[in-house]
C-alpha atoms as a PDB file:
ATOM      1  CA  UNK A   1      26.331   1.831  11.375  1.00  0.00           C
ATOM      2  CA  UNK A   2      25.280   4.842  13.407  1.00  0.00           C
ATOM      3  CA  UNK A   3      24.685   4.572  17.147  1.00  0.00           C
ATOM      4  CA  UNK A   4      21.019   5.447  16.646  1.00  0.00           C
ATOM      5  CA  UNK A   5      20.503   2.586  14.181  1.00  0.00           C
ATOM      6  CA  UNK A   6      22.390   0.219  16.470  1.00  0.00           C
ATOM      7  CA  UNK A   7      20.097   1.209  19.339  1.00  0.00           C
ATOM      8  CA  UNK A   8      16.986   0.557  17.226  1.00  0.00           C
ATOM      9  CA  UNK A   9      18.227  -2.843  16.063  1.00  0.00           C
ATOM     10  CA  UNK A  10      19.178  -3.791  19.623  1.00  0.00           C
ATOM     11  CA  UNK A  11      15.707  -2.840  20.808  1.00  0.00           C
ATOM     12  CA  UNK A  12      14.070  -4.924  18.109  1.00  0.00           C
ATOM     13  CA  UNK A  13      16.348  -7.854  18.952  1.00  0.00           C
ATOM     14  CA  UNK A  14      15.374  -7.662  22.623  1.00  0.00           C
ATOM     15  CA  UNK A  15      11.692  -7.485  21.630  1.00  0.00           C
ATOM     16  CA  UNK A  16      12.015 -10.681  19.576  1.00  0.00           C
ATOM     17  CA  UNK A  17      13.916 -12.424  22.391  1.00  0.00           C
ATOM     18  CA  UNK A  18      11.146 -11.476  24.801  1.00  0.00           C
ATOM     19  CA  UNK A  19       8.452 -12.826  22.479  1.00  0.00           C
ATOM     20  CA  UNK A  20      10.332 -16.076  21.939  1.00  0.00           C
ATOM     21  CA  UNK A  21      10.907 -16.593  25.629  1.00  0.00           C
ATOM     22  CA  UNK A  22       7.273 -15.942  26.424  1.00  0.00           C
ATOM     23  CA  UNK A  23       6.340 -18.618  23.892  1.00  0.00           C
ATOM     24  CA  UNK A  24       8.775 -21.033  25.526  1.00  0.00           C
ATOM     25  CA  UNK A  25       6.384 -21.127  28.513  1.00  0.00           C
ATOM     26  CA  UNK A  26       9.187 -21.264  31.055  1.00  0.00           C
ATOM     27  CA  UNK A  27       8.048 -22.593  34.422  1.00  0.00           C
ATOM     28  CA  UNK A  28      10.048 -20.020  36.355  1.00  0.00           C
ATOM     29  CA  UNK A  29       8.859 -16.513  35.383  1.00  0.00           C
ATOM     30  CA  UNK A  30      12.093 -15.055  36.770  1.00  0.00           C
ATOM     31  CA  UNK A  31      13.949 -16.724  33.886  1.00  0.00           C
ATOM     32  CA  UNK A  32      12.087 -14.610  31.322  1.00  0.00           C
ATOM     33  CA  UNK A  33      14.055 -11.556  30.196  1.00  0.00           C
ATOM     34  CA  UNK A  34      12.533  -8.126  30.512  1.00  0.00           C
ATOM     35  CA  UNK A  35      13.034  -5.171  28.206  1.00  0.00           C
ATOM     36  CA  UNK A  36      15.668  -3.727  30.605  1.00  0.00           C
ATOM     37  CA  UNK A  37      17.108  -7.039  31.777  1.00  0.00           C
ATOM     38  CA  UNK A  38      20.837  -6.651  32.423  1.00  0.00           C
ATOM     39  CA  UNK A  39      21.407 -10.204  31.243  1.00  0.00           C
ATOM     40  CA  UNK A  40      20.767  -8.992  27.681  1.00  0.00           C
ATOM     41  CA  UNK A  41      23.039  -5.965  27.742  1.00  0.00           C
ATOM     42  CA  UNK A  42      26.230  -6.652  25.859  1.00  0.00           C
ATOM     43  CA  UNK A  43      25.579 -10.355  25.484  1.00  0.00           C
ATOM     44  CA  UNK A  44      27.437 -12.268  22.819  1.00  0.00           C
ATOM     45  CA  UNK A  45      25.856 -13.595  19.668  1.00  0.00           C
ATOM     46  CA  UNK A  46      26.392 -17.131  20.932  1.00  0.00           C
ATOM     47  CA  UNK A  47      24.366 -16.518  24.080  1.00  0.00           C
ATOM     48  CA  UNK A  48      21.592 -14.852  22.100  1.00  0.00           C
ATOM     49  CA  UNK A  49      21.395 -17.867  19.811  1.00  0.00           C
ATOM     50  CA  UNK A  50      21.137 -20.143  22.834  1.00  0.00           C
ATOM     51  CA  UNK A  51      18.281 -18.059  24.234  1.00  0.00           C
ATOM     52  CA  UNK A  52      16.461 -18.120  20.907  1.00  0.00           C
ATOM     53  CA  UNK A  53      16.939 -21.873  20.577  1.00  0.00           C
ATOM     54  CA  UNK A  54      15.639 -22.426  24.108  1.00  0.00           C
ATOM     55  CA  UNK A  55      12.687 -20.143  23.455  1.00  0.00           C
ATOM     56  CA  UNK A  56      11.804 -21.980  20.265  1.00  0.00           C
ATOM     57  CA  UNK A  57      10.401 -24.915  22.252  1.00  0.00           C
ATOM     58  CA  UNK A  58      13.397 -27.104  21.614  1.00  0.00           C
ATOM     59  CA  UNK A  59      13.899 -26.196  17.974  1.00  0.00           C
ATOM     60  CA  UNK A  60      17.489 -25.612  17.035  1.00  0.00           C
ATOM     61  CA  UNK A  61      19.172 -24.562  13.835  1.00  0.00           C
ATOM     62  CA  UNK A  62      20.882 -27.910  13.437  1.00  0.00           C
ATOM     63  CA  UNK A  63      17.594 -29.742  13.641  1.00  0.00           C
ATOM     64  CA  UNK A  64      16.377 -27.937  10.543  1.00  0.00           C
ATOM     65  CA  UNK A  65      19.274 -26.705   8.487  1.00  0.00           C
ATOM     66  CA  UNK A  66      22.908 -27.614   8.131  1.00  0.00           C
ATOM     67  CA  UNK A  67      24.830 -26.334   5.113  1.00  0.00           C
ATOM     68  CA  UNK A  68      26.817 -29.574   5.063  1.00  0.00           C
ATOM     69  CA  UNK A  69      23.718 -31.732   5.107  1.00  0.00           C
ATOM     70  CA  UNK A  70      22.566 -33.042   1.723  1.00  0.00           C
ATOM     71  CA  UNK A  71      18.887 -32.492   2.486  1.00  0.00           C
ATOM     72  CA  UNK A  72      16.637 -30.023   0.708  1.00  0.00           C
ATOM     73  CA  UNK A  73      17.166 -26.406   1.719  1.00  0.00           C
ATOM     74  CA  UNK A  74      13.607 -25.616   0.708  1.00  0.00           C
ATOM     75  CA  UNK A  75      12.124 -28.155   3.128  1.00  0.00           C
ATOM     76  CA  UNK A  76      14.522 -27.113   5.883  1.00  0.00           C
ATOM     77  CA  UNK A  77      13.476 -23.472   5.590  1.00  0.00           C
ATOM     78  CA  UNK A  78       9.827 -24.495   5.434  1.00  0.00           C
ATOM     79  CA  UNK A  79      10.120 -26.429   8.696  1.00  0.00           C
ATOM     80  CA  UNK A  80      11.830 -23.429  10.267  1.00  0.00           C
ATOM     81  CA  UNK A  81       9.065 -21.113   9.109  1.00  0.00           C
ATOM     82  CA  UNK A  82       6.455 -23.428  10.603  1.00  0.00           C
ATOM     83  CA  UNK A  83       8.397 -23.705  13.860  1.00  0.00           C
ATOM     84  CA  UNK A  84       8.480 -19.903  14.181  1.00  0.00           C
ATOM     85  CA  UNK A  85       4.926 -19.313  12.992  1.00  0.00           C
ATOM     86  CA  UNK A  86       4.075 -17.707  16.342  1.00  0.00           C
ATOM     87  CA  UNK A  87       6.713 -15.036  15.665  1.00  0.00           C
ATOM     88  CA  UNK A  88       5.037 -14.224  12.337  1.00  0.00           C
ATOM     89  CA  UNK A  89       1.829 -13.458  14.207  1.00  0.00           C
ATOM     90  CA  UNK A  90       3.706 -11.366  16.780  1.00  0.00           C
ATOM     91  CA  UNK A  91       5.371  -9.330  14.040  1.00  0.00           C
ATOM     92  CA  UNK A  92       2.077  -8.708  12.237  1.00  0.00           C
ATOM     93  CA  UNK A  93       0.420  -7.465  15.440  1.00  0.00           C
ATOM     94  CA  UNK A  94       3.441  -5.358  16.338  1.00  0.00           C
ATOM     95  CA  UNK A  95       3.717  -3.740  12.911  1.00  0.00           C
ATOM     96  CA  UNK A  96       0.029  -2.813  12.872  1.00  0.00           C
ATOM     97  CA  UNK A  97       0.234  -1.318  16.366  1.00  0.00           C
ATOM     98  CA  UNK A  98       3.379   0.670  15.567  1.00  0.00           C
ATOM     99  CA  UNK A  99       2.012   1.923  12.244  1.00  0.00           C
ATOM    100  CA  UNK A 100      -1.120   3.440  13.794  1.00  0.00           C
ATOM    101  CA  UNK A 101       0.134   4.190  17.307  1.00  0.00           C
ATOM    102  CA  UNK A 102       0.565   7.961  16.825  1.00  0.00           C
ATOM    103  CA  UNK A 103      -1.907   8.388  14.006  1.00  0.00           C
ATOM    104  CA  UNK A 104      -4.856  10.731  14.575  1.00  0.00           C
ATOM    105  CA  UNK A 105      -7.223   8.583  12.528  1.00  0.00           C
ATOM    106  CA  UNK A 106      -5.529   5.320  13.443  1.00  0.00           C
ATOM    107  CA  UNK A 107      -6.618   2.246  11.584  1.00  0.00           C
ATOM    108  CA  UNK A 108      -9.507   4.207  10.038  1.00  0.00           C
ATOM    109  CA  UNK A 109      -6.964   5.715   7.639  1.00  0.00           C
ATOM    110  CA  UNK A 110      -6.631   2.335   5.934  1.00  0.00           C
ATOM    111  CA  UNK A 111     -10.311   2.582   5.011  1.00  0.00           C
ATOM    112  CA  UNK A 112     -10.246   6.292   4.118  1.00  0.00           C
ATOM    113  CA  UNK A 113      -7.229   6.104   1.817  1.00  0.00           C
ATOM    114  CA  UNK A 114      -8.917   4.168  -1.026  1.00  0.00           C
ATOM    115  CA  UNK A 115     -11.946   6.442  -0.748  1.00  0.00           C
ATOM    116  CA  UNK A 116      -9.855   9.600  -1.183  1.00  0.00           C
ATOM    117  CA  UNK A 117      -7.976   8.066  -4.100  1.00  0.00           C
ATOM    118  CA  UNK A 118     -11.283   7.074  -5.657  1.00  0.00           C
ATOM    119  CA  UNK A 119     -12.639  10.631  -5.452  1.00  0.00           C
ATOM    120  CA  UNK A 120      -9.550  12.184  -7.053  1.00  0.00           C
ATOM    121  CA  UNK A 121      -9.155   9.644  -9.835  1.00  0.00           C
ATOM    122  CA  UNK A 122     -12.876   9.524 -10.556  1.00  0.00           C
ATOM    123  CA  UNK A 123     -12.735  13.282 -11.132  1.00  0.00           C
ATOM    124  CA  UNK A 124      -9.657  13.021 -13.357  1.00  0.00           C
ATOM    125  CA  UNK A 125     -10.610  10.040 -15.507  1.00  0.00           C
ATOM    126  CA  UNK A 126     -14.356  10.569 -15.673  1.00  0.00           C
ATOM    127  CA  UNK A 127     -14.452  14.336 -16.123  1.00  0.00           C
ATOM    128  CA  UNK A 128     -11.171  15.667 -17.457  1.00  0.00           C
ATOM    129  CA  UNK A 129     -10.260  12.750 -19.723  1.00  0.00           C
ATOM    130  CA  UNK A 130     -13.881  12.011 -20.583  1.00  0.00           C
ATOM    131  CA  UNK A 131     -13.362   8.294 -19.977  1.00  0.00           C
ATOM    132  CA  UNK A 132     -16.765   6.659 -19.723  1.00  0.00           C
ATOM    133  CA  UNK A 133     -16.715   3.613 -17.464  1.00  0.00           C
ATOM    134  CA  UNK A 134     -19.956   2.638 -15.803  1.00  0.00           C
ATOM    135  CA  UNK A 135     -19.717   2.857 -12.009  1.00  0.00           C
ATOM    136  CA  UNK A 136     -16.134   4.032 -12.254  1.00  0.00           C
ATOM    137  CA  UNK A 137     -15.780   4.346  -8.480  1.00  0.00           C
ATOM    138  CA  UNK A 138     -16.305   0.606  -8.056  1.00  0.00           C
ATOM    139  CA  UNK A 139     -14.170  -0.191 -11.102  1.00  0.00           C
ATOM    140  CA  UNK A 140     -11.276   1.790  -9.643  1.00  0.00           C
ATOM    141  CA  UNK A 141     -11.586   0.583  -6.061  1.00  0.00           C
ATOM    142  CA  UNK A 142     -11.544  -3.089  -7.009  1.00  0.00           C
ATOM    143  CA  UNK A 143      -8.276  -2.553  -8.868  1.00  0.00           C
ATOM    144  CA  UNK A 144      -6.809  -0.237  -6.236  1.00  0.00           C
ATOM    145  CA  UNK A 145      -7.462  -2.652  -3.371  1.00  0.00           C
ATOM    146  CA  UNK A 146      -5.633  -5.426  -5.187  1.00  0.00           C
ATOM    147  CA  UNK A 147      -2.734  -3.160  -6.131  1.00  0.00           C
ATOM    148  CA  UNK A 148      -2.363  -1.697  -2.629  1.00  0.00           C
ATOM    149  CA  UNK A 149      -2.111  -5.206  -1.237  1.00  0.00           C
ATOM    150  CA  UNK A 150       0.601  -6.251  -3.689  1.00  0.00           C
ATOM    151  CA  UNK A 151       2.603  -3.017  -3.447  1.00  0.00           C
ATOM    152  CA  UNK A 152       2.532  -2.856   0.347  1.00  0.00           C
ATOM    153  CA  UNK A 153       3.331  -6.555   0.820  1.00  0.00           C
ATOM    154  CA  UNK A 154       6.348  -6.583  -1.490  1.00  0.00           C
ATOM    155  CA  UNK A 155       7.525  -3.048  -0.722  1.00  0.00           C
ATOM    156  CA  UNK A 156       7.459  -3.650   3.018  1.00  0.00           C
ATOM    157  CA  UNK A 157       9.297  -6.966   2.581  1.00  0.00           C
ATOM    158  CA  UNK A 158      12.078  -5.149   0.734  1.00  0.00           C
ATOM    159  CA  UNK A 159      12.240  -2.448   3.421  1.00  0.00           C
ATOM    160  CA  UNK A 160      12.797  -4.984   6.211  1.00  0.00           C
ATOM    161  CA  UNK A 161      16.085  -6.387   4.946  1.00  0.00           C
ATOM    162  CA  UNK A 162      18.358  -4.174   7.061  1.00  0.00           C
ATOM    163  CA  UNK A 163      16.543  -4.939  10.298  1.00  0.00           C
ATOM    164  CA  UNK A 164      16.290  -8.627   9.423  1.00  0.00           C
ATOM    165  CA  UNK A 165      20.027  -8.899   8.729  1.00  0.00           C
ATOM    166  CA  UNK A 166      20.993  -7.112  11.922  1.00  0.00           C
ATOM    167  CA  UNK A 167      18.620  -9.176  14.046  1.00  0.00           C
ATOM    168  CA  UNK A 168      19.816 -12.413  12.455  1.00  0.00           C
ATOM    169  CA  UNK A 169      23.409 -11.542  13.415  1.00  0.00           C
ATOM    170  CA  UNK A 170      22.371 -11.340  17.083  1.00  0.00           C
ATOM    171  CA  UNK A 171      19.847 -14.166  17.436  1.00  0.00           C
ATOM    172  CA  UNK A 172      18.723 -17.001  15.245  1.00  0.00           C
ATOM    173  CA  UNK A 173      15.501 -15.989  13.506  1.00  0.00           C
ATOM    174  CA  UNK A 174      14.567 -17.435  10.094  1.00  0.00           C
ATOM    175  CA  UNK A 175      14.400 -14.525   7.672  1.00  0.00           C
ATOM    176  CA  UNK A 176      11.332 -15.975   6.012  1.00  0.00           C
ATOM    177  CA  UNK A 177       9.229 -14.749   8.942  1.00  0.00           C
ATOM    178  CA  UNK A 178       9.866 -11.143   7.896  1.00  0.00           C
ATOM    179  CA  UNK A 179       8.540 -11.717   4.381  1.00  0.00           C
ATOM    180  CA  UNK A 180       5.491 -13.650   5.538  1.00  0.00           C
ATOM    181  CA  UNK A 181       4.709 -11.058   8.218  1.00  0.00           C
ATOM    182  CA  UNK A 182       4.870  -8.321   5.560  1.00  0.00           C
ATOM    183  CA  UNK A 183       2.254 -10.172   3.535  1.00  0.00           C
ATOM    184  CA  UNK A 184       0.219 -10.667   6.705  1.00  0.00           C
ATOM    185  CA  UNK A 185       0.144  -6.932   7.441  1.00  0.00           C
ATOM    186  CA  UNK A 186      -0.881  -6.194   3.849  1.00  0.00           C
ATOM    187  CA  UNK A 187      -3.622  -8.829   4.104  1.00  0.00           C
ATOM    188  CA  UNK A 188      -5.055  -7.143   7.203  1.00  0.00           C
ATOM    189  CA  UNK A 189      -5.134  -3.832   5.318  1.00  0.00           C
ATOM    190  CA  UNK A 190      -6.826  -5.519   2.362  1.00  0.00           C
ATOM    191  CA  UNK A 191      -9.598  -6.884   4.573  1.00  0.00           C
ATOM    192  CA  UNK A 192     -10.084  -3.435   6.128  1.00  0.00           C
ATOM    193  CA  UNK A 193     -10.229  -1.872   2.655  1.00  0.00           C
ATOM    194  CA  UNK A 194     -13.181  -4.081   1.785  1.00  0.00           C
ATOM    195  CA  UNK A 195     -15.260  -2.095   4.300  1.00  0.00           C
ATOM    196  CA  UNK A 196     -15.307   1.180   2.290  1.00  0.00           C
ATOM    197  CA  UNK A 197     -15.836  -0.849  -0.882  1.00  0.00           C
ATOM    198  CA  UNK A 198     -18.956  -2.361   0.651  1.00  0.00           C
ATOM    199  CA  UNK A 199     -20.088   1.108   1.746  1.00  0.00           C
ATOM    200  CA  UNK A 200     -19.685   2.459  -1.807  1.00  0.00           C
ATOM    201  CA  UNK A 201     -21.672  -0.474  -3.172  1.00  0.00           C
ATOM    202  CA  UNK A 202     -24.503   0.331  -0.775  1.00  0.00           C
ATOM    203  CA  UNK A 203     -24.447   4.076  -1.473  1.00  0.00           C
ATOM    204  CA  UNK A 204     -24.462   3.573  -5.247  1.00  0.00           C
ATOM    205  CA  UNK A 205     -26.982   0.733  -4.918  1.00  0.00           C
ATOM    206  CA  UNK A 206     -24.672  -1.528  -6.828  1.00  0.00           C
ATOM    207  CA  UNK A 207     -25.759  -5.178  -6.596  1.00  0.00           C
ATOM    208  CA  UNK A 208     -23.849  -7.703  -4.511  1.00  0.00           C
ATOM    209  CA  UNK A 209     -23.431 -10.474  -7.043  1.00  0.00           C
ATOM    210  CA  UNK A 210     -23.498 -14.162  -6.050  1.00  0.00           C
ATOM    211  CA  UNK A 211     -20.012 -14.435  -7.571  1.00  0.00           C
ATOM    212  CA  UNK A 212     -18.569 -12.779  -4.442  1.00  0.00           C
ATOM    213  CA  UNK A 213     -17.885 -16.303  -3.185  1.00  0.00           C
ATOM    214  CA  UNK A 214     -14.921 -16.378  -5.584  1.00  0.00           C
ATOM    215  CA  UNK A 215     -13.231 -13.343  -3.977  1.00  0.00           C
ATOM    216  CA  UNK A 216     -11.368 -15.397  -1.301  1.00  0.00           C
ATOM    217  CA  UNK A 217      -9.872 -17.512  -4.106  1.00  0.00           C
ATOM    218  CA  UNK A 218      -8.787 -14.330  -5.884  1.00  0.00           C
ATOM    219  CA  UNK A 219      -7.166 -13.102  -2.670  1.00  0.00           C
ATOM    220  CA  UNK A 220      -5.419 -16.458  -2.232  1.00  0.00           C
ATOM    221  CA  UNK A 221      -3.918 -16.142  -5.725  1.00  0.00           C
ATOM    222  CA  UNK A 222      -2.797 -12.601  -4.928  1.00  0.00           C
ATOM    223  CA  UNK A 223      -1.194 -13.838  -1.697  1.00  0.00           C
ATOM    224  CA  UNK A 224       0.757 -16.526  -3.550  1.00  0.00           C
ATOM    225  CA  UNK A 225       2.046 -14.120  -6.192  1.00  0.00           C
ATOM    226  CA  UNK A 226       2.891 -11.354  -3.693  1.00  0.00           C
ATOM    227  CA  UNK A 227       4.668 -13.771  -1.348  1.00  0.00           C
ATOM    228  CA  UNK A 228       6.803 -15.150  -4.178  1.00  0.00           C
ATOM    229  CA  UNK A 229       7.768 -11.675  -5.380  1.00  0.00           C
ATOM    230  CA  UNK A 230       8.367 -10.653  -1.766  1.00  0.00           C
ATOM    231  CA  UNK A 231      10.836 -13.511  -1.226  1.00  0.00           C
ATOM    232  CA  UNK A 232      12.646 -12.612  -4.442  1.00  0.00           C
ATOM    233  CA  UNK A 233      12.901  -8.877  -3.680  1.00  0.00           C
ATOM    234  CA  UNK A 234      13.830  -9.514  -0.041  1.00  0.00           C
ATOM    235  CA  UNK A 235      16.682 -11.803  -1.074  1.00  0.00           C
ATOM    236  CA  UNK A 236      18.046  -9.379  -3.663  1.00  0.00           C
ATOM    237  CA  UNK A 237      17.710  -6.404  -1.304  1.00  0.00           C
ATOM    238  CA  UNK A 238      19.656  -8.334   1.343  1.00  0.00           C
ATOM    239  CA  UNK A 239      22.666  -8.245  -0.978  1.00  0.00           C
ATOM    240  CA  UNK A 240      22.168  -5.030  -2.938  1.00  0.00           C
ATOM    241  CA  UNK A 241      20.835  -2.077  -0.943  1.00  0.00           C
ATOM    242  CA  UNK A 242      19.796  -0.089  -4.015  1.00  0.00           C
ATOM    243  CA  UNK A 243      17.297  -2.806  -5.002  1.00  0.00           C
ATOM    244  CA  UNK A 244      14.734  -1.208  -2.674  1.00  0.00           C
ATOM    245  CA  UNK A 245      14.853   2.144  -4.465  1.00  0.00           C
ATOM    246  CA  UNK A 246      14.850   0.504  -7.887  1.00  0.00           C
ATOM    247  CA  UNK A 247      11.866  -1.622  -6.946  1.00  0.00           C
ATOM    248  CA  UNK A 248       9.822   1.416  -5.913  1.00  0.00           C
ATOM    249  CA  UNK A 249      10.445   2.934  -9.348  1.00  0.00           C
ATOM    250  CA  UNK A 250       9.343  -0.329 -10.971  1.00  0.00           C
ATOM    251  CA  UNK A 251       6.177  -0.358  -8.833  1.00  0.00           C
ATOM    252  CA  UNK A 252       5.243   3.156  -9.943  1.00  0.00           C
ATOM    253  CA  UNK A 253       5.753   2.183 -13.576  1.00  0.00           C
ATOM    254  CA  UNK A 254       3.770  -1.039 -13.247  1.00  0.00           C
ATOM    255  CA  UNK A 255       0.862   0.869 -11.732  1.00  0.00           C
ATOM    256  CA  UNK A 256       0.276   2.707 -15.014  1.00  0.00           C
ATOM    257  CA  UNK A 257       0.939  -0.406 -17.095  1.00  0.00           C
ATOM    258  CA  UNK A 258      -1.832  -2.237 -15.229  1.00  0.00           C
ATOM    259  CA  UNK A 259      -5.527  -1.530 -15.950  1.00  0.00           C
ATOM    260  CA  UNK A 260      -6.347  -0.082 -12.535  1.00  0.00           C
ATOM    261  CA  UNK A 261      -7.488   3.451 -13.414  1.00  0.00           C
ATOM    262  CA  UNK A 262      -8.394   2.721 -17.025  1.00  0.00           C
ATOM    263  CA  UNK A 263     -10.152  -0.010 -18.979  1.00  0.00           C
ATOM    264  CA  UNK A 264      -8.008  -2.276 -21.193  1.00  0.00           C
ATOM    265  CA  UNK A 265     -10.214  -1.342 -24.148  1.00  0.00           C
ATOM    266  CA  UNK A 266      -8.716   2.165 -24.365  1.00  0.00           C
ATOM    267  CA  UNK A 267      -5.231   0.761 -25.007  1.00  0.00           C
ATOM    268  CA  UNK A 268      -4.462   0.669 -28.762  1.00  0.00           C
ATOM    269  CA  UNK A 269      -4.296  -2.856 -30.117  1.00  0.00           C
ATOM    270  CA  UNK A 270      -0.627  -2.637 -31.062  1.00  0.00           C
ATOM    271  CA  UNK A 271       0.270  -1.871 -27.435  1.00  0.00           C
ATOM    272  CA  UNK A 272      -1.956  -4.448 -25.757  1.00  0.00           C
ATOM    273  CA  UNK A 273       0.836  -6.990 -25.807  1.00  0.00           C
ATOM    274  CA  UNK A 274       2.250  -5.036 -22.852  1.00  0.00           C
ATOM    275  CA  UNK A 275      -0.895  -5.900 -20.904  1.00  0.00           C
ATOM    276  CA  UNK A 276      -0.801  -9.539 -21.944  1.00  0.00           C
ATOM    277  CA  UNK A 277       2.724  -9.959 -20.564  1.00  0.00           C
ATOM    278  CA  UNK A 278       1.793  -8.240 -17.312  1.00  0.00           C
ATOM    279  CA  UNK A 279       0.801 -10.830 -14.659  1.00  0.00           C
ATOM    280  CA  UNK A 280      -1.223  -8.205 -12.794  1.00  0.00           C
ATOM    281  CA  UNK A 281      -3.549  -7.956 -15.791  1.00  0.00           C
ATOM    282  CA  UNK A 282      -4.814 -11.474 -15.081  1.00  0.00           C
ATOM    283  CA  UNK A 283      -4.758 -11.279 -11.281  1.00  0.00           C
ATOM    284  CA  UNK A 284      -6.757  -8.044 -11.261  1.00  0.00           C
ATOM    285  CA  UNK A 285      -9.349  -9.659 -13.514  1.00  0.00           C
ATOM    286  CA  UNK A 286      -9.756 -12.548 -11.072  1.00  0.00           C
ATOM    287  CA  UNK A 287     -10.385 -10.024  -8.282  1.00  0.00           C
ATOM    288  CA  UNK A 288     -12.446  -7.441 -10.184  1.00  0.00           C
ATOM    289  CA  UNK A 289     -14.707  -9.634 -12.307  1.00  0.00           C
ATOM    290  CA  UNK A 290     -16.660 -11.309  -9.446  1.00  0.00           C
ATOM    291  CA  UNK A 291     -17.314  -7.919  -7.795  1.00  0.00           C
ATOM    292  CA  UNK A 292     -17.675  -5.467 -10.664  1.00  0.00           C
ATOM    293  CA  UNK A 293     -18.729  -7.591 -13.612  1.00  0.00           C
ATOM    294  CA  UNK A 294     -20.800 -10.055 -11.615  1.00  0.00           C
ATOM    295  CA  UNK A 295     -19.204 -13.038 -13.343  1.00  0.00           C
ATOM    296  CA  UNK A 296     -16.421 -15.472 -12.710  1.00  0.00           C
ATOM    297  CA  UNK A 297     -13.133 -14.953 -14.551  1.00  0.00           C
ATOM    298  CA  UNK A 298     -12.826 -16.905 -17.765  1.00  0.00           C
ATOM    299  CA  UNK A 299     -11.001 -20.214 -17.776  1.00  0.00           C
ATOM    300  CA  UNK A 300      -8.129 -18.641 -19.713  1.00  0.00           C
ATOM    301  CA  UNK A 301      -7.736 -15.797 -17.197  1.00  0.00           C
ATOM    302  CA  UNK A 302      -8.007 -18.154 -14.230  1.00  0.00           C
ATOM    303  CA  UNK A 303      -5.506 -20.636 -15.665  1.00  0.00           C
ATOM    304  CA  UNK A 304      -2.866 -17.949 -16.212  1.00  0.00           C
ATOM    305  CA  UNK A 305      -3.571 -16.428 -12.785  1.00  0.00           C
ATOM    306  CA  UNK A 306      -2.997 -19.774 -11.082  1.00  0.00           C
ATOM    307  CA  UNK A 307       0.155 -20.347 -13.143  1.00  0.00           C
ATOM    308  CA  UNK A 308       1.728 -16.965 -12.323  1.00  0.00           C
ATOM    309  CA  UNK A 309       0.748 -17.233  -8.655  1.00  0.00           C
ATOM    310  CA  UNK A 310       2.131 -20.734  -8.123  1.00  0.00           C
ATOM    311  CA  UNK A 311       5.108 -20.061 -10.386  1.00  0.00           C
ATOM    312  CA  UNK A 312       6.092 -16.841  -8.597  1.00  0.00           C
ATOM    313  CA  UNK A 313       5.746 -18.502  -5.196  1.00  0.00           C
ATOM    314  CA  UNK A 314       7.895 -21.482  -6.241  1.00  0.00           C
ATOM    315  CA  UNK A 315      10.602 -19.387  -7.917  1.00  0.00           C
ATOM    316  CA  UNK A 316      10.716 -16.866  -5.089  1.00  0.00           C
ATOM    317  CA  UNK A 317      10.881 -19.539  -2.395  1.00  0.00           C
ATOM    318  CA  UNK A 318      13.624 -21.549  -4.112  1.00  0.00           C
ATOM    319  CA  UNK A 319      15.718 -18.442  -4.808  1.00  0.00           C
ATOM    320  CA  UNK A 320      15.247 -17.262  -1.218  1.00  0.00           C
ATOM    321  CA  UNK A 321      16.209 -20.597   0.336  1.00  0.00           C
ATOM    322  CA  UNK A 322      19.351 -20.977  -1.768  1.00  0.00           C
ATOM    323  CA  UNK A 323      20.714 -17.448  -1.507  1.00  0.00           C
ATOM    324  CA  UNK A 324      19.385 -15.500   1.463  1.00  0.00           C
ATOM    325  CA  UNK A 325      21.924 -16.678   4.041  1.00  0.00           C
ATOM    326  CA  UNK A 326      24.861 -16.159   1.681  1.00  0.00           C
ATOM    327  CA  UNK A 327      23.684 -12.702   0.598  1.00  0.00           C
ATOM    328  CA  UNK A 328      22.831 -11.467   4.089  1.00  0.00           C
ATOM    329  CA  UNK A 329      26.265 -12.054   5.607  1.00  0.00           C
ATOM    330  CA  UNK A 330      28.119 -10.485   2.686  1.00  0.00           C
ATOM    331  CA  UNK A 331      26.973  -7.045   3.841  1.00  0.00           C
END
């Protein structure tokens, strides 16, 4: 590892130690480490683990997980995630601040990005390809908002594996917090992206249907599916570094195999089986139908959406809990 990367990881480790110690609510403020505290320069892994355990309000690794204990790994990791829920929030806030710290437009860019994509793709698909979809701008944005959430949540989870592994070698931090925080950041961006969607609806005088009440349920299903895939990709990327690059290629391919910029009706019948085996086909319908179509998704669509969301979350969580620690320390 280069000295620059080591410096970055050390800085992140100190930041997490500081957050944990602040949450410990120590009575003596002098006991809290600062960013330049000499006590945390060249400390051993053992001491860092002790600090993290003390900062976790009495929670220790043995209390939750012991590889020799016959208890469920899934429940042990779940208790750890709940114990460190405050760190998830800290990471979400930190990532959002860092992402827009030196940006000219700042957080406004999150709302402008879907608008710019809408303008370009509306021109391409409505004019050049002569695809006639009523209110195409709204049709596209409802699909794009869902896809941006999924792609950013899972892609960012995969990108955090190196930092997560290095931090975990210095202090005890459950790796699940990095996946959940990635989904949290993507969720914030999704909520912000709803602002330009609402503006487009007003400009085009598109009706706000009563079925909007179903949108939070659609988002909840998207969260479950994205979190499960995020745990799976994060675990694999912890062991195989090229998984991140491969996953980005898969994301780009899936984008065009999912009816985001086109209607499913234009796909020839003999190729529609590709759509039917694509879980995003059903999840996008649950998000798009209440907004664009003004109706709730059919029972068939909703049933499959719930199945793929719960199934992905369960499979991803179980695979993560049983392999992440083994994979991480093989690097």
